[in-house]
Amino acid sequence: MPEDRPLSTGDVARLLHVTPVCVLRWIRAGKLPAYRVPGGHFRVARAEFRKFLASNHIPLEFDSSPPKRILVVDDEDSVGDAFGAALKAKGYDVVLATSGREALRILTQNRFDLIFLDVLLPTVGGASILKAIKRRDPEAVVVLVTGYPDHDETLAALQYGPAMLLPKPIKVCDLYTVLKIVFNERMGEQPGLRRRGEAAREKSPAALQTRGARR
């Protein structure tokens, strides 16, 4: 993390190994000073977080960040293995889940900086998983992976907020574009992205798409 960047509730949760809900409780109780940014999310100044650590006798050197954690949820072993290899080559800490149930179990015990979620999963579909993720951590960053962007399950998932769509078959260059957007330039729209209306006119299936929640 840059030295002067404020911390999100997710950052604090990851550093202290607690849930974002727990961090929100501290903020609302006045135990952890924070401010709101446009959109309603909380941010914690690093100086205030250091005071919080000191006042609660928490021995943590938080400016030396651990590797970003990424969860990949896909029922195809070959896809999961390819994801894992490409992400680990970039230095990320990767966890793989091959079913919706396994993903939900992992998510009850862990927080991730980024989640790649296959939409069409057996037993528990991507929409249900995304709903559970957003209920637990509204700031979670999720990329929906699918070869069927207009499938009912994909459209159902988009009810829970805007999301990037990563089309199958997956290209490594598209995967690395997502990483750049999420971790380096979260606030800026990239040329490779398409809004929903533009995506409908895009002929190339490899183009990344950004879709908003349906009204």
Protein backbone atom coordinates (compact mmCIF):
# COMPACT_ATOMS: atom_id res chain seq x y z
CA MET A 1 0.00 0.00 0.00
CA PRO A 2 1.27 3.53 -0.68
CA GLU A 3 2.46 5.19 2.53
CA ASP A 4 -0.23 7.91 2.50
CA ARG A 5 -3.20 5.92 1.21
CA PRO A 6 -6.07 5.63 3.72
CA LEU A 7 -7.28 2.19 4.67
CA SER A 8 -10.63 0.71 3.71
CA THR A 9 -12.62 -1.43 6.12
CA GLY A 10 -11.44 -4.41 4.07
CA ASP A 11 -7.79 -3.38 4.51
CA VAL A 12 -8.22 -3.11 8.28
CA ALA A 13 -10.05 -6.45 8.39
CA ARG A 14 -7.29 -8.18 6.43
CA LEU A 15 -4.52 -6.69 8.57
CA LEU A 16 -6.19 -7.67 11.86
CA HIS A 17 -7.66 -10.97 10.65
CA VAL A 18 -11.23 -9.99 11.50
CA THR A 19 -14.35 -9.52 9.37
CA PRO A 20 -15.26 -6.18 7.73
CA VAL A 21 -18.47 -6.26 9.80
CA CYS A 22 -16.34 -6.23 12.95
CA VAL A 23 -14.42 -3.20 11.67
CA LEU A 24 -17.69 -1.38 10.92
CA ARG A 25 -18.82 -2.03 14.51
CA TRP A 26 -15.63 -0.43 15.85
CA ILE A 27 -16.16 2.60 13.61
CA ARG A 28 -19.81 3.04 14.56
CA ALA A 29 -18.97 2.64 18.25
CA GLY A 30 -16.34 5.39 17.95
CA LYS A 31 -13.46 3.06 18.74
CA LEU A 32 -11.82 3.52 15.32
CA PRO A 33 -12.03 7.04 13.83
CA ALA A 34 -13.03 7.02 10.17
CA TYR A 35 -14.59 9.23 7.51
CA ARG A 36 -16.95 8.58 4.63
CA VAL A 37 -16.09 8.97 0.95
CA PRO A 38 -18.58 9.53 -1.91
CA GLY A 39 -20.51 6.30 -2.19
CA GLY A 40 -20.82 5.91 1.58
CA HIS A 41 -17.78 3.73 2.26
CA PHE A 42 -15.55 4.37 5.27
CA ARG A 43 -11.85 5.19 5.12
CA VAL A 44 -9.39 5.17 8.02
CA ALA A 45 -6.38 7.50 8.04
CA ARG A 46 -3.14 5.65 8.67
CA ALA A 47 -2.29 7.92 11.60
CA GLU A 48 -5.61 7.06 13.26
CA PHE A 49 -5.06 3.36 12.63
CA ARG A 50 -1.62 3.57 14.27
CA LYS A 51 -3.24 5.21 17.31
CA PHE A 52 -5.86 2.44 17.38
CA LEU A 53 -3.11 -0.20 17.33
CA ALA A 54 -1.20 1.52 20.12
CA SER A 55 -4.22 2.13 22.36
CA ASN A 56 -5.26 -1.52 22.04
CA HIS A 57 -1.71 -2.85 22.45
CA ILE A 58 -1.71 -4.55 19.05
CA PRO A 59 1.86 -5.23 17.85
CA LEU A 60 1.46 -4.83 14.10
CA GLU A 61 3.79 -3.36 11.45
CA PHE A 62 1.11 -2.77 8.85
CA ASP A 63 3.06 -0.76 6.25
CA SER A 64 4.84 -3.89 5.01
CA SER A 65 1.89 -5.45 3.19
CA PRO A 66 1.60 -9.20 2.61
CA PRO A 67 0.85 -10.49 -0.90
CA LYS A 68 -2.64 -9.78 -2.20
CA ARG A 69 -4.99 -12.72 -1.69
CA ILE A 70 -7.13 -13.94 -4.57
CA LEU A 71 -9.89 -16.55 -4.55
CA VAL A 72 -10.67 -18.38 -7.79
CA VAL A 73 -14.00 -20.24 -7.91
CA ASP A 74 -14.41 -22.54 -10.93
CA ASP A 75 -15.62 -26.12 -11.23
CA GLU A 76 -13.27 -26.88 -14.15
CA ASP A 77 -9.93 -28.07 -12.77
CA SER A 78 -8.07 -27.00 -15.90
CA VAL A 79 -9.39 -23.43 -15.60
CA GLY A 80 -8.58 -23.24 -11.90
CA ASP A 81 -5.06 -24.58 -12.45
CA ALA A 82 -4.45 -22.09 -15.26
CA PHE A 83 -5.70 -19.23 -13.07
CA GLY A 84 -3.51 -20.37 -10.20
CA ALA A 85 -0.38 -20.64 -12.31
CA ALA A 86 -0.86 -17.21 -13.93
CA LEU A 87 -1.63 -15.46 -10.65
CA LYS A 88 1.13 -17.12 -8.63
CA ALA A 89 3.60 -16.13 -11.36
CA LYS A 90 2.70 -12.52 -10.49
CA GLY A 91 3.32 -13.08 -6.78
CA TYR A 92 -0.27 -13.35 -5.56
CA ASP A 93 -1.48 -15.65 -2.80
CA VAL A 94 -4.08 -17.84 -4.54
CA VAL A 95 -6.81 -20.08 -3.11
CA LEU A 96 -8.85 -22.33 -5.42
CA ALA A 97 -12.42 -23.56 -4.90
CA THR A 98 -14.08 -26.03 -7.27
CA SER A 99 -17.70 -25.62 -6.13
CA GLY A 100 -20.05 -23.03 -4.73
CA ARG A 101 -20.31 -24.83 -1.42
CA GLU A 102 -16.54 -24.96 -1.03
CA ALA A 103 -16.30 -21.26 -1.90
CA LEU A 104 -18.88 -20.32 0.74
CA ARG A 105 -17.03 -22.39 3.36
CA ILE A 106 -13.74 -20.68 2.51
CA LEU A 107 -15.33 -17.22 2.54
CA THR A 108 -16.70 -17.68 6.06
CA GLN A 109 -13.12 -17.98 7.33
CA ASN A 110 -11.11 -15.76 5.00
CA ARG A 111 -11.09 -12.37 3.31
CA PHE A 112 -9.73 -11.82 -0.20
CA ASP A 113 -8.55 -8.76 -2.09
CA LEU A 114 -10.08 -10.09 -5.32
CA ILE A 115 -12.45 -12.91 -6.22
CA PHE A 116 -12.83 -14.52 -9.64
CA LEU A 117 -16.24 -16.21 -9.63
CA ASP A 118 -17.47 -18.62 -12.29
CA VAL A 119 -21.16 -17.89 -12.79
CA LEU A 120 -22.41 -21.33 -13.85
CA LEU A 121 -21.55 -23.62 -10.96
CA PRO A 122 -23.31 -26.84 -9.92
CA THR A 123 -25.45 -26.92 -6.75
CA VAL A 124 -24.85 -23.31 -5.66
CA GLY A 125 -24.76 -20.81 -8.53
CA GLY A 126 -22.70 -17.67 -8.89
CA ALA A 127 -25.60 -15.35 -8.05
CA SER A 128 -26.11 -16.94 -4.62
CA ILE A 129 -22.40 -16.81 -3.90
CA LEU A 130 -22.12 -13.17 -4.93
CA LYS A 131 -25.10 -12.29 -2.73
CA ALA A 132 -23.40 -13.95 0.25
CA ILE A 133 -20.11 -12.18 -0.51
CA LYS A 134 -21.70 -8.73 -0.73
CA ARG A 135 -23.72 -9.28 2.44
CA ARG A 136 -20.53 -10.10 4.32
CA ASP A 137 -18.31 -7.47 2.67
CA PRO A 138 -20.02 -4.80 0.55
CA GLU A 139 -16.63 -3.59 -0.69
CA ALA A 140 -15.52 -6.99 -1.96
CA VAL A 141 -14.12 -6.89 -5.49
CA VAL A 142 -15.63 -9.67 -7.61
CA VAL A 143 -15.04 -10.49 -11.27
CA LEU A 144 -17.68 -12.73 -12.85
CA VAL A 145 -16.22 -15.34 -15.18
CA THR A 146 -18.56 -16.69 -17.84
CA GLY A 147 -18.96 -17.59 -21.47
CA TYR A 148 -22.64 -16.64 -21.25
CA PRO A 149 -22.93 -12.93 -20.34
CA ASP A 150 -26.69 -12.89 -21.02
CA HIS A 151 -27.50 -16.11 -19.13
CA ASP A 152 -30.20 -15.80 -16.45
CA GLU A 153 -27.67 -16.67 -13.73
CA THR A 154 -25.33 -13.89 -14.89
CA LEU A 155 -28.15 -11.36 -14.95
CA ALA A 156 -29.28 -12.50 -11.50
CA ALA A 157 -25.74 -11.99 -10.15
CA LEU A 158 -25.69 -8.44 -11.50
CA GLN A 159 -28.63 -7.60 -9.26
CA TYR A 160 -26.12 -7.39 -6.39
CA GLY A 161 -24.08 -4.54 -7.82
CA PRO A 162 -21.85 -3.58 -10.75
CA ALA A 163 -19.22 -6.12 -11.71
CA MET A 164 -16.62 -6.83 -14.32
CA LEU A 165 -17.24 -9.77 -16.62
CA LEU A 166 -14.26 -11.83 -17.74
CA PRO A 167 -15.32 -13.87 -20.79
CA LYS A 168 -14.44 -17.50 -21.39
CA PRO A 169 -12.28 -18.78 -22.95
CA ILE A 170 -9.97 -16.75 -20.74
CA LYS A 171 -6.96 -14.99 -22.21
CA VAL A 172 -3.98 -14.29 -19.98
CA CYS A 173 -3.78 -10.72 -21.29
CA ASP A 174 -7.39 -10.11 -20.16
CA LEU A 175 -6.59 -11.59 -16.76
CA TYR A 176 -3.60 -9.29 -16.33
CA THR A 177 -5.72 -6.32 -17.42
CA VAL A 178 -8.10 -7.07 -14.56
CA LEU A 179 -5.20 -7.18 -12.09
CA LYS A 180 -3.95 -3.82 -13.32
CA ILE A 181 -7.40 -2.25 -13.00
CA VAL A 182 -8.12 -3.63 -9.54
CA PHE A 183 -4.77 -3.17 -7.86
CA ASN A 184 -3.15 -0.23 -9.66
CA GLU A 185 -5.88 1.98 -11.06
CA ARG A 186 -9.06 1.19 -9.17
CA MET A 187 -10.54 4.68 -9.75
CA GLY A 188 -9.99 4.98 -13.49
CA GLU A 189 -11.82 3.28 -16.34
CA GLN A 190 -9.50 1.46 -18.70
CA PRO A 191 -9.71 1.38 -22.51
CA GLY A 192 -10.24 -2.39 -22.49
CA LEU A 193 -13.46 -2.14 -20.51
CA ARG A 194 -16.91 -1.82 -22.03
CA ARG A 195 -20.03 -0.50 -20.37
CA ARG A 196 -23.14 -2.60 -20.78
CA GLY A 197 -24.50 -0.71 -23.78
CA GLU A 198 -21.14 -0.72 -25.52
CA ALA A 199 -20.63 -4.39 -24.81
CA ALA A 200 -23.72 -5.25 -26.79
CA ARG A 201 -22.09 -3.67 -29.84
CA GLU A 202 -18.67 -5.16 -29.25
CA LYS A 203 -17.83 -7.93 -31.72
CA SER A 204 -14.76 -9.28 -29.93
CA PRO A 205 -15.66 -11.85 -27.23
CA ALA A 206 -12.32 -11.17 -25.53
CA ALA A 207 -13.26 -7.62 -24.51
CA LEU A 208 -13.67 -7.13 -20.80
CA GLN A 209 -17.10 -5.78 -19.87
CA THR A 210 -18.31 -3.73 -16.94
CA ARG A 211 -21.98 -4.16 -16.11
CA GLY A 212 -24.10 -2.40 -13.56
CA ALA A 213 -26.90 -3.68 -11.42
CA ARG A 214 -30.15 -3.97 -13.35
CA ARG A 215 -32.94 -1.66 -12.30
